[in-house]
Amino acid sequence: MAVLDTGFVDTELSKKTSIFGLHLWVVIGVVVGVVIVLILFLLSLCITACRRRSSGGDKTKNRRPARETTPVPSKDISEITRHSAAADQRPIVPTAVPEIQIDMGKVEHRVVFSDKGTSSGESRATSGADTGSFGGNISLPEVSHLGWGRWYTLRELEAASNGLSHENVIGEGGYGIVYYGVLADNTKIAIKNLLNNRGQAEKEFKVEVDAIGRVRHKNLVRLLGYCVEGAYRMLVYEYVDNGNLEQWLHGDVGEVSPLTWEIRMSIIIGTAKGLAYLHEGLEPKVVHRDIKSSNILLDRQWHTKLSDFGLAKLLNSEISYVTTRVMGTFGYVAPEYACTGQLNEKSDVYSFGILIMEIITGRSPVDYARPKGEVNLVEWLKMMVGNRKSEEIIDPKLSEKPASKAMKRVILVALRCVDPEAQKRPKMGNVVHMLESEDLGSRNERQTGPESSRDDRQTKA
């Protein structure tokens, strides 16, 4: 009987089906195989989903606070670069476009700085690593081995910035992308993820971070620490919560600017003091290389914080530096720096002079939307001063015009800073002295002006 059953089964399985004429046993095998593959596929999907949920649960979803009173920035950062020796012999000529933007390659959130960079898993190790090196295996202590600040882990900064999400971006430029973040202890920070700096070697990065990290000045944004992990190089700064000067000068602030003459003078003097400290209070001195309104941060009391000096150039005293790559923003760059690549602190002085003109006039350094003859701010201002029309250069959004004497002295300081001959430009320490003397004089003039004039009339009577 069993033989008959077996024969019957074999006969049935051997029958051909209507599916391509295949035997029944072949069809059954194919169906079973497909079912097994589907089961394995569904299992893999479940495992992947579980892993994503577990990793996603570790991240704190912080959101950048809306700054309702801060105007939207008007323009992105424009960077000027030179790549050949032939370009060193001729000045950079602007073209008829609103701004010059040199393509620095595709913006990526992750770039390789060294062929010896470690993987994320290796660099997150907390033991058995060399704490004195930026290459190879890297440990991640809470306190930096440099003796200041903190060495942040990539996981910390990702958690603070919602995974370095686009929603947390508060700035973007030639050096990198800046994210808003909140640490576990509720400290607000600005995270600069450095981009396109393949030439920034590990040792040079360490030297510059070490030098800049020790900078302490009330008019400079404080560098709290850094992150060196895998392919990431990040700088962590204190967060300044009232936007930047460019937003308040050129953004939508209404018919009357909240920046009064007194506030503008305070911003000018604060920036000058921060620059004077970088140039004259440090050894080696620091040349910022990118002084402009968008790098002047403001807090709620309008106090000035000069930012973006984390990758400024360190120079030995009395030595000029020649580079084939000009870093800066079109309209602010000193002529000798743009033409020859010669860099020293007088390059910053020129940019600061442009900044003064921008603050008192409310105009951009280069504005192609204006009539011919007014496109270049320096040329237009010199023309107005030469025609004795200094009163007409003041920002029309100022609610109250400054005293004529005070305004003319500030214009004089600006013109001295933008002297075509670098050696004739004043040092920033002298600029601070001139500005503070003017500030004191203008205040005394406003306070004692009416009484002095009345006393003079009484004396004459």
Protein backbone atom coordinates (compact mmCIF):
# COMPACT_ATOMS: atom_id res chain seq x y z
CA MET A 1 0.00 0.00 0.00
CA ALA A 2 2.85 2.34 0.89
CA VAL A 3 4.45 1.58 -2.46
CA LEU A 4 1.28 2.51 -4.20
CA ASP A 5 1.03 5.80 -2.26
CA THR A 6 4.61 6.68 -3.12
CA GLY A 7 4.08 5.90 -6.74
CA PHE A 8 0.92 7.92 -6.79
CA VAL A 9 2.71 10.94 -5.24
CA ASP A 10 5.58 10.64 -7.70
CA THR A 11 3.11 10.48 -10.54
CA GLU A 12 1.25 13.59 -9.37
CA LEU A 13 4.47 15.60 -8.80
CA SER A 14 5.74 14.63 -12.23
CA LYS A 15 2.70 15.96 -14.00
CA LYS A 16 3.28 18.99 -16.16
CA THR A 17 1.44 22.19 -15.24
CA SER A 18 0.14 25.06 -17.35
CA ILE A 19 2.93 27.32 -16.02
CA PHE A 20 5.45 27.21 -18.87
CA GLY A 21 4.97 23.43 -18.98
CA LEU A 22 6.93 22.97 -15.75
CA HIS A 23 6.54 19.90 -13.56
CA LEU A 24 4.49 20.34 -10.41
CA TRP A 25 7.44 19.66 -8.12
CA VAL A 26 9.43 22.45 -9.83
CA VAL A 27 6.59 24.93 -9.31
CA ILE A 28 6.26 23.99 -5.63
CA GLY A 29 10.04 24.48 -5.14
CA VAL A 30 9.97 27.90 -6.75
CA VAL A 31 7.02 29.01 -4.57
CA VAL A 32 8.74 27.82 -1.40
CA GLY A 33 11.95 29.65 -2.37
CA VAL A 34 10.08 32.90 -3.02
CA VAL A 35 8.33 32.67 0.35
CA ILE A 36 11.67 32.16 2.14
CA VAL A 37 13.21 35.19 0.35
CA LEU A 38 10.23 37.37 1.30
CA ILE A 39 10.47 36.31 4.94
CA LEU A 40 14.19 37.17 5.05
CA PHE A 41 13.55 40.54 3.38
CA LEU A 42 10.84 41.47 5.91
CA LEU A 43 13.13 40.48 8.78
CA SER A 44 15.93 42.72 7.46
CA LEU A 45 13.49 45.66 7.19
CA CYS A 46 12.38 45.18 10.78
CA ILE A 47 15.96 45.04 12.07
CA THR A 48 16.92 48.22 10.15
CA ALA A 49 13.88 50.09 11.46
CA CYS A 50 14.67 49.09 15.04
CA ARG A 51 18.25 50.31 14.70
CA ARG A 52 17.15 53.66 13.28
CA ARG A 53 14.66 54.18 16.10
CA SER A 54 17.27 53.34 18.74
CA SER A 55 19.90 55.67 17.22
CA GLY A 56 17.38 58.43 16.60
CA GLY A 57 16.22 58.33 20.21
CA ASP A 58 19.66 59.46 21.41
CA LYS A 59 19.48 62.80 19.60
CA THR A 60 18.00 65.85 21.20
CA LYS A 61 15.84 67.68 18.67
CA ASN A 62 16.80 71.24 19.39
CA ARG A 63 15.43 73.96 17.21
CA ARG A 64 17.08 77.29 16.46
CA PRO A 65 15.00 79.97 18.19
CA ALA A 66 13.19 82.32 15.87
CA ARG A 67 14.68 85.80 16.03
CA GLU A 68 11.61 87.78 15.18
CA THR A 69 13.30 91.13 15.67
CA THR A 70 16.36 90.26 13.62
CA PRO A 71 16.14 91.13 9.91
CA VAL A 72 16.98 88.54 7.30
CA PRO A 73 20.55 88.70 5.93
CA SER A 74 20.74 90.38 2.57
CA LYS A 75 23.58 88.46 0.88
CA ASP A 76 25.74 85.38 1.17
CA ILE A 77 29.46 85.56 1.67
CA SER A 78 31.56 86.17 -1.43
CA GLU A 79 35.12 84.89 -1.41
CA ILE A 80 37.96 85.96 -3.67
CA THR A 81 40.60 83.37 -4.52
CA ARG A 82 43.60 83.30 -6.79
CA HIS A 83 45.19 80.11 -8.10
CA SER A 84 48.04 81.16 -10.41
CA ALA A 85 51.16 83.27 -10.19
CA ALA A 86 50.05 85.29 -13.21
CA ALA A 87 47.01 86.47 -11.32
CA ASP A 88 49.32 87.94 -8.65
CA GLN A 89 50.42 90.67 -11.04
CA ARG A 90 47.03 92.14 -11.82
CA PRO A 91 44.18 93.47 -9.69
CA ILE A 92 40.86 91.74 -9.43
CA VAL A 93 38.39 93.57 -11.68
CA PRO A 94 34.70 93.42 -10.78
CA THR A 95 32.23 92.32 -13.41
CA ALA A 96 28.76 93.73 -13.90
CA VAL A 97 27.02 91.45 -11.42
CA PRO A 98 25.67 92.22 -7.94
CA GLU A 99 28.45 90.25 -6.21
CA ILE A 100 31.44 88.10 -7.02
CA GLN A 101 31.20 84.47 -5.93
CA ILE A 102 34.12 82.20 -6.72
CA ASP A 103 33.17 78.54 -6.87
CA MET A 104 35.09 76.68 -4.19
CA GLY A 105 33.73 73.28 -5.13
CA LYS A 106 30.71 71.41 -3.97
CA VAL A 107 29.72 72.29 -0.42
CA GLU A 108 29.90 69.15 1.66
CA HIS A 109 29.31 68.55 5.31
CA ARG A 110 32.23 66.19 5.44
CA VAL A 111 35.67 66.55 3.90
CA VAL A 112 38.89 64.61 4.38
CA PHE A 113 41.70 66.63 5.92
CA SER A 114 44.31 63.93 6.04
CA ASP A 115 44.94 60.54 4.49
CA LYS A 116 45.52 59.33 8.05
CA GLY A 117 42.10 60.33 9.31
CA THR A 118 40.47 57.80 11.61
CA SER A 119 37.06 56.31 11.28
CA SER A 120 34.26 57.44 13.53
CA GLY A 121 34.47 54.24 15.50
CA GLU A 122 38.21 54.60 16.07
CA SER A 123 38.08 58.27 16.97
CA ARG A 124 35.30 57.73 19.49
CA ALA A 125 37.44 55.38 21.53
CA THR A 126 37.97 56.62 25.05
CA SER A 127 40.99 54.56 25.94
CA GLY A 128 44.28 53.43 24.46
CA ALA A 129 44.59 56.49 22.20
CA ASP A 130 47.19 59.22 21.76
CA THR A 131 45.86 62.45 23.29
CA GLY A 132 48.74 64.52 21.98
CA SER A 133 48.11 64.04 18.29
CA PHE A 134 45.47 65.13 15.81
CA GLY A 135 46.23 62.25 13.45
CA GLY A 136 45.96 58.52 13.95
CA ASN A 137 43.92 57.25 16.87
CA ILE A 138 42.31 60.09 18.83
CA SER A 139 40.84 59.96 22.32
CA LEU A 140 38.08 62.32 23.30
CA PRO A 141 38.65 63.70 26.81
CA GLU A 142 36.21 66.24 28.21
CA VAL A 143 39.02 68.78 28.67
CA SER A 144 41.34 69.59 25.78
CA HIS A 145 44.98 68.63 26.07
CA LEU A 146 45.81 72.14 24.77
CA GLY A 147 45.10 73.52 28.23
CA TRP A 148 41.98 75.51 27.43
CA GLY A 149 38.41 74.95 26.43
CA ARG A 150 36.96 71.57 25.66
CA TRP A 151 37.37 68.82 23.13
CA TYR A 152 33.82 68.04 22.04
CA THR A 153 32.76 64.71 20.59
CA LEU A 154 30.94 64.51 17.29
CA ARG A 155 28.01 62.83 19.04
CA GLU A 156 27.69 65.78 21.45
CA LEU A 157 27.61 68.34 18.66
CA GLU A 158 25.20 66.29 16.57
CA ALA A 159 22.85 65.97 19.54
CA ALA A 160 23.11 69.70 20.23
CA SER A 161 22.31 70.70 16.63
CA ASN A 162 19.63 68.14 15.76
CA GLY A 163 22.09 66.10 13.76
CA LEU A 164 23.65 69.14 12.06
CA SER A 165 20.31 69.64 10.34
CA HIS A 166 19.63 72.29 7.72
CA GLU A 167 17.04 73.83 10.04
CA ASN A 168 19.82 74.72 12.50
CA VAL A 169 22.01 76.53 9.95
CA ILE A 170 22.54 80.18 10.99
CA GLY A 171 25.41 81.07 8.66
CA GLU A 172 27.30 79.83 5.64
CA GLY A 173 30.46 81.05 3.96
CA GLY A 174 33.86 80.30 2.52
CA TYR A 175 35.24 78.77 5.71
CA GLY A 176 32.29 76.57 6.58
CA ILE A 177 28.71 76.18 7.72
CA VAL A 178 27.62 77.48 11.14
CA TYR A 179 24.93 75.67 13.12
CA TYR A 180 22.99 76.75 16.18
CA GLY A 181 23.07 74.26 19.04
CA VAL A 182 22.18 73.71 22.67
CA LEU A 183 24.37 71.46 24.80
CA ALA A 184 23.06 69.08 27.44
CA ASP A 185 23.67 71.75 30.13
CA ASN A 186 21.52 74.25 28.11
CA THR A 187 24.55 76.24 26.94
CA LYS A 188 23.81 77.88 23.59
CA ILE A 189 26.61 77.49 21.06
CA ALA A 190 27.50 78.17 17.44
CA ILE A 191 29.16 75.21 15.68
CA LYS A 192 31.34 75.95 12.67
CA ASN A 193 31.85 72.89 10.49
CA LEU A 194 34.96 73.70 8.44
CA LEU A 195 34.74 73.00 4.72
CA ASN A 196 37.11 72.79 1.76
CA ASN A 197 40.26 73.17 3.86
CA ARG A 198 42.26 70.26 2.52
CA GLY A 199 45.44 72.32 2.80
CA GLN A 200 44.82 72.88 6.50
CA ALA A 201 47.19 70.23 7.81
CA GLU A 202 46.71 68.55 11.18
CA LYS A 203 49.64 70.35 12.84
CA GLU A 204 48.61 73.74 11.45
CA PHE A 205 45.05 73.23 12.66
CA LYS A 206 46.36 72.41 16.14
CA VAL A 207 48.64 75.46 16.23
CA GLU A 208 45.95 77.89 15.12
CA VAL A 209 43.27 76.46 17.40
CA ASP A 210 45.72 76.58 20.29
CA ALA A 211 46.58 80.23 19.63
CA ILE A 212 43.05 81.47 18.91
CA GLY A 213 41.58 79.49 21.79
CA ARG A 214 43.56 81.51 24.31
CA VAL A 215 42.16 84.80 23.02
CA ARG A 216 40.03 86.56 25.64
CA HIS A 217 38.51 89.94 24.82
CA LYS A 218 35.04 91.34 25.38
CA ASN A 219 34.76 92.38 21.72
CA LEU A 220 35.76 88.98 20.29
CA VAL A 221 33.48 85.96 20.10
CA ARG A 222 34.89 83.37 22.47
CA LEU A 223 36.06 80.04 21.06
CA LEU A 224 34.85 77.43 23.57
CA GLY A 225 36.44 74.36 22.04
CA TYR A 226 36.69 72.17 18.98
CA CYS A 227 35.99 68.73 17.55
CA VAL A 228 38.50 66.61 15.66
CA GLU A 229 36.90 63.32 14.78
CA GLY A 230 37.23 61.27 11.62
CA ALA A 231 36.92 63.69 8.69
CA TYR A 232 35.29 66.42 10.77
CA ARG A 233 37.00 69.63 11.93
CA MET A 234 34.67 71.84 13.95
CA LEU A 235 35.05 74.98 16.03
CA VAL A 236 32.61 75.68 18.86
CA TYR A 237 31.89 79.33 19.71
CA GLU A 238 29.68 81.13 22.18
CA TYR A 239 26.30 82.01 20.67
CA VAL A 240 25.47 85.71 20.18
CA ASP A 241 21.72 86.16 20.00
CA ASN A 242 20.96 89.40 18.12
CA GLY A 243 22.13 88.74 14.59
CA ASN A 244 24.93 90.52 12.77
CA LEU A 245 25.57 94.09 11.69
CA GLU A 246 24.83 93.39 8.02
CA GLN A 247 21.29 92.35 8.91
CA TRP A 248 20.67 95.56 10.86
CA LEU A 249 22.23 97.81 8.21
CA HIS A 250 20.83 96.27 5.03
CA GLY A 251 17.93 94.11 6.16
CA ASP A 252 14.27 95.07 6.44
CA VAL A 253 14.26 97.20 9.60
CA GLY A 254 11.65 99.75 8.55
CA GLU A 255 11.97 103.42 7.72
CA VAL A 256 13.86 104.25 10.91
CA SER A 257 16.86 102.15 11.90
CA PRO A 258 17.19 101.06 15.55
CA LEU A 259 20.92 101.72 15.17
CA THR A 260 21.25 105.29 16.47
CA TRP A 261 24.43 107.30 15.93
CA GLU A 262 25.55 106.46 19.49
CA ILE A 263 25.01 102.74 18.89
CA ARG A 264 26.89 102.91 15.59
CA MET A 265 29.82 104.67 17.22
CA SER A 266 29.84 102.04 19.97
CA ILE A 267 29.94 99.28 17.32
CA ILE A 268 32.80 101.01 15.47
CA ILE A 269 34.84 101.49 18.65
CA GLY A 270 34.17 97.96 19.91
CA THR A 271 35.29 96.46 16.60
CA ALA A 272 38.40 98.66 16.62
CA LYS A 273 39.31 97.49 20.13
CA GLY A 274 38.90 93.84 19.17
CA LEU A 275 41.14 94.31 16.12
CA ALA A 276 43.72 96.26 18.12
CA TYR A 277 43.92 93.34 20.56
CA LEU A 278 44.46 90.84 17.71
CA HIS A 279 47.13 93.03 16.08
CA GLU A 280 48.96 94.41 19.11
CA GLY A 281 47.97 92.40 22.16
CA LEU A 282 49.01 88.95 20.98
CA GLU A 283 52.25 87.29 19.92
CA PRO A 284 52.20 86.08 17.26
CA LYS A 285 49.76 88.72 16.12
CA VAL A 286 46.59 87.70 14.34
CA VAL A 287 45.40 89.15 11.02
CA HIS A 288 41.66 88.56 10.65
CA ARG A 289 41.58 88.73 6.81
CA ASP A 290 37.78 89.04 6.56
CA ILE A 291 36.55 92.17 8.34
CA LYS A 292 33.00 92.92 7.17
CA SER A 293 29.57 93.72 8.56
CA SER A 294 28.32 90.12 8.55
CA ASN A 295 31.20 89.13 10.86
CA ILE A 296 30.22 91.74 13.46
CA LEU A 297 27.81 90.02 15.84
CA LEU A 298 25.58 91.95 18.25
CA ASP A 299 23.91 91.01 21.51
CA ARG A 300 20.66 92.40 22.87
CA GLN A 301 22.49 95.41 24.34
CA TRP A 302 24.17 96.11 20.97
CA HIS A 303 27.58 95.09 22.32
CA THR A 304 30.03 94.18 19.55
CA LYS A 305 31.50 90.71 19.07
CA LEU A 306 33.95 90.26 16.19
CA SER A 307 33.63 86.73 14.83
CA ASP A 308 35.07 84.38 12.24
CA PHE A 309 38.71 84.74 13.24
CA GLY A 310 39.10 81.03 13.99
CA LEU A 311 41.16 80.47 10.85
CA ALA A 312 42.76 83.90 10.66
CA LYS A 313 46.43 84.10 9.79
CA LEU A 314 49.02 84.07 12.56
CA LEU A 315 51.99 86.33 11.75
CA ASN A 316 55.27 86.99 13.46
CA SER A 317 55.97 90.57 14.43
CA GLU A 318 57.21 92.93 11.69
CA ILE A 319 56.80 90.26 9.03
CA SER A 320 54.51 90.41 6.03
CA TYR A 321 53.10 87.23 4.61
CA VAL A 322 52.70 86.55 0.89
CA THR A 323 50.00 84.13 -0.20
CA THR A 324 48.77 82.97 -3.59
CA ARG A 325 45.25 82.60 -2.20
CA VAL A 326 43.49 85.81 -1.26
CA MET A 327 40.84 85.26 1.38
CA GLY A 328 38.24 87.95 1.87
CA THR A 329 35.05 89.52 0.61
CA PHE A 330 34.83 91.65 -2.52
CA GLY A 331 34.63 95.33 -1.63
CA TYR A 332 36.53 94.99 1.65
CA VAL A 333 39.87 93.60 0.43
CA ALA A 334 42.88 95.94 0.53
CA PRO A 335 44.29 96.70 -2.95
CA GLU A 336 47.84 95.52 -2.21
CA TYR A 337 46.49 92.26 -0.79
CA ALA A 338 44.25 91.64 -3.80
CA CYS A 339 47.02 92.47 -6.32
CA THR A 340 50.13 90.94 -4.78
CA GLY A 341 48.95 88.67 -1.98
CA GLN A 342 51.01 90.64 0.55
CA LEU A 343 49.28 90.28 3.91
CA ASN A 344 49.83 92.17 7.16
CA GLU A 345 47.72 93.94 9.75
CA LYS A 346 47.33 96.99 7.47
CA SER A 347 45.08 94.80 5.29
CA ASP A 348 42.66 94.61 8.22
CA VAL A 349 42.93 98.38 8.75
CA TYR A 350 41.77 98.98 5.17
CA SER A 351 38.78 96.64 5.62
CA PHE A 352 37.93 98.41 8.88
CA GLY A 353 37.90 101.75 7.07
CA ILE A 354 35.38 100.33 4.58
CA LEU A 355 33.33 99.08 7.53
CA ILE A 356 33.21 102.58 9.08
CA MET A 357 31.93 104.01 5.79
CA GLU A 358 29.31 101.27 5.58
CA ILE A 359 28.09 101.95 9.12
CA ILE A 360 27.74 105.72 8.78
CA THR A 361 26.23 105.69 5.27
CA GLY A 362 24.12 102.53 5.41
CA ARG A 363 25.48 101.59 1.95
CA SER A 364 27.16 98.38 0.82
CA PRO A 365 30.85 98.61 -0.20
CA VAL A 366 29.87 97.75 -3.79
CA ASP A 367 26.30 98.18 -5.01
CA TYR A 368 25.63 97.79 -8.74
CA ALA A 369 22.00 98.81 -8.25
CA ARG A 370 23.07 102.42 -7.66
CA PRO A 371 23.74 105.01 -10.39
CA LYS A 372 27.12 105.19 -12.09
CA GLY A 373 29.54 107.01 -9.84
CA GLU A 374 27.90 105.64 -6.67
CA VAL A 375 28.62 101.95 -7.18
CA ASN A 376 31.91 101.96 -5.26
CA LEU A 377 31.43 103.28 -1.72
CA VAL A 378 34.99 104.59 -1.28
CA GLU A 379 35.01 106.54 -4.54
CA TRP A 380 31.55 107.99 -3.91
CA LEU A 381 32.37 109.07 -0.37
CA LYS A 382 35.63 110.72 -1.45
CA MET A 383 33.73 112.57 -4.18
CA MET A 384 31.08 113.78 -1.71
CA VAL A 385 33.70 114.98 0.77
CA GLY A 386 35.64 116.72 -1.99
CA ASN A 387 32.45 118.52 -3.06
CA ARG A 388 31.76 119.59 0.55
CA LYS A 389 28.66 117.44 0.79
CA SER A 390 29.61 115.47 3.88
CA GLU A 391 26.20 116.07 5.45
CA GLU A 392 24.53 114.12 2.62
CA ILE A 393 26.36 110.84 3.15
CA ILE A 394 24.67 109.96 6.46
CA ASP A 395 22.32 106.96 6.44
CA PRO A 396 18.82 108.35 5.75
CA LYS A 397 17.39 105.81 8.21
CA LEU A 398 19.07 107.56 11.15
CA SER A 399 16.40 109.10 13.37
CA GLU A 400 18.74 111.86 14.58
CA LYS A 401 21.70 113.25 12.66
CA PRO A 402 25.06 113.50 14.44
CA ALA A 403 26.90 116.74 15.17
CA SER A 404 28.75 117.96 12.08
CA LYS A 405 32.12 118.00 13.82
CA ALA A 406 31.71 114.46 15.14
CA MET A 407 30.67 113.13 11.75
CA LYS A 408 33.57 114.77 9.91
CA ARG A 409 36.14 113.38 12.32
CA VAL A 410 34.80 109.83 11.90
CA ILE A 411 34.92 110.26 8.12
CA LEU A 412 38.53 111.45 8.43
CA VAL A 413 39.44 108.30 10.39
CA ALA A 414 37.81 106.13 7.71
CA LEU A 415 39.66 107.90 4.91
CA ARG A 416 42.99 107.47 6.70
CA CYS A 417 42.29 103.74 7.08
CA VAL A 418 41.65 103.28 3.33
CA ASP A 419 44.77 105.13 2.19
CA PRO A 420 46.02 103.44 -1.01
CA GLU A 421 49.52 103.25 0.51
CA ALA A 422 49.46 100.65 3.27
CA GLN A 423 52.31 102.24 5.24
CA LYS A 424 50.34 105.47 5.63
CA ARG A 425 47.41 103.75 7.31
CA PRO A 426 47.30 104.11 11.11
CA LYS A 427 47.66 101.19 13.50
CA MET A 428 44.49 99.98 15.14
CA GLY A 429 45.67 101.21 18.53
CA ASN A 430 45.90 104.74 17.11
CA VAL A 431 42.50 104.32 15.48
CA VAL A 432 40.97 103.43 18.86
CA HIS A 433 42.55 106.53 20.40
CA MET A 434 41.21 108.78 17.63
CA LEU A 435 37.72 107.29 17.83
CA GLU A 436 37.50 107.46 21.62
CA SER A 437 38.71 111.05 21.64
CA GLU A 438 36.04 111.89 19.09
CA ASP A 439 33.39 109.99 21.03
CA LEU A 440 34.24 111.86 24.23
CA GLY A 441 34.36 115.18 22.40
CA SER A 442 30.98 114.66 20.75
CA ARG A 443 29.34 113.73 24.05
CA ASN A 444 30.77 116.79 25.77
CA GLU A 445 29.64 118.94 22.86
CA ARG A 446 26.07 117.67 23.15
CA GLN A 447 26.01 118.00 26.95
CA THR A 448 27.70 121.37 27.37
CA GLY A 449 26.97 122.95 24.00
CA PRO A 450 23.90 125.07 25.00
CA GLU A 451 25.42 126.15 28.35
CA SER A 452 28.72 127.08 26.73
CA SER A 453 27.01 129.16 24.08
CA ARG A 454 24.94 130.93 26.76
CA ASP A 455 28.09 131.64 28.79
CA ASP A 456 29.79 133.02 25.70
CA ARG A 457 26.87 135.38 25.06
CA GLN A 458 26.97 136.56 28.67
CA THR A 459 30.73 137.15 28.45
CA LYS A 460 30.34 139.17 25.28
CA ALA A 461 27.54 141.22 26.85
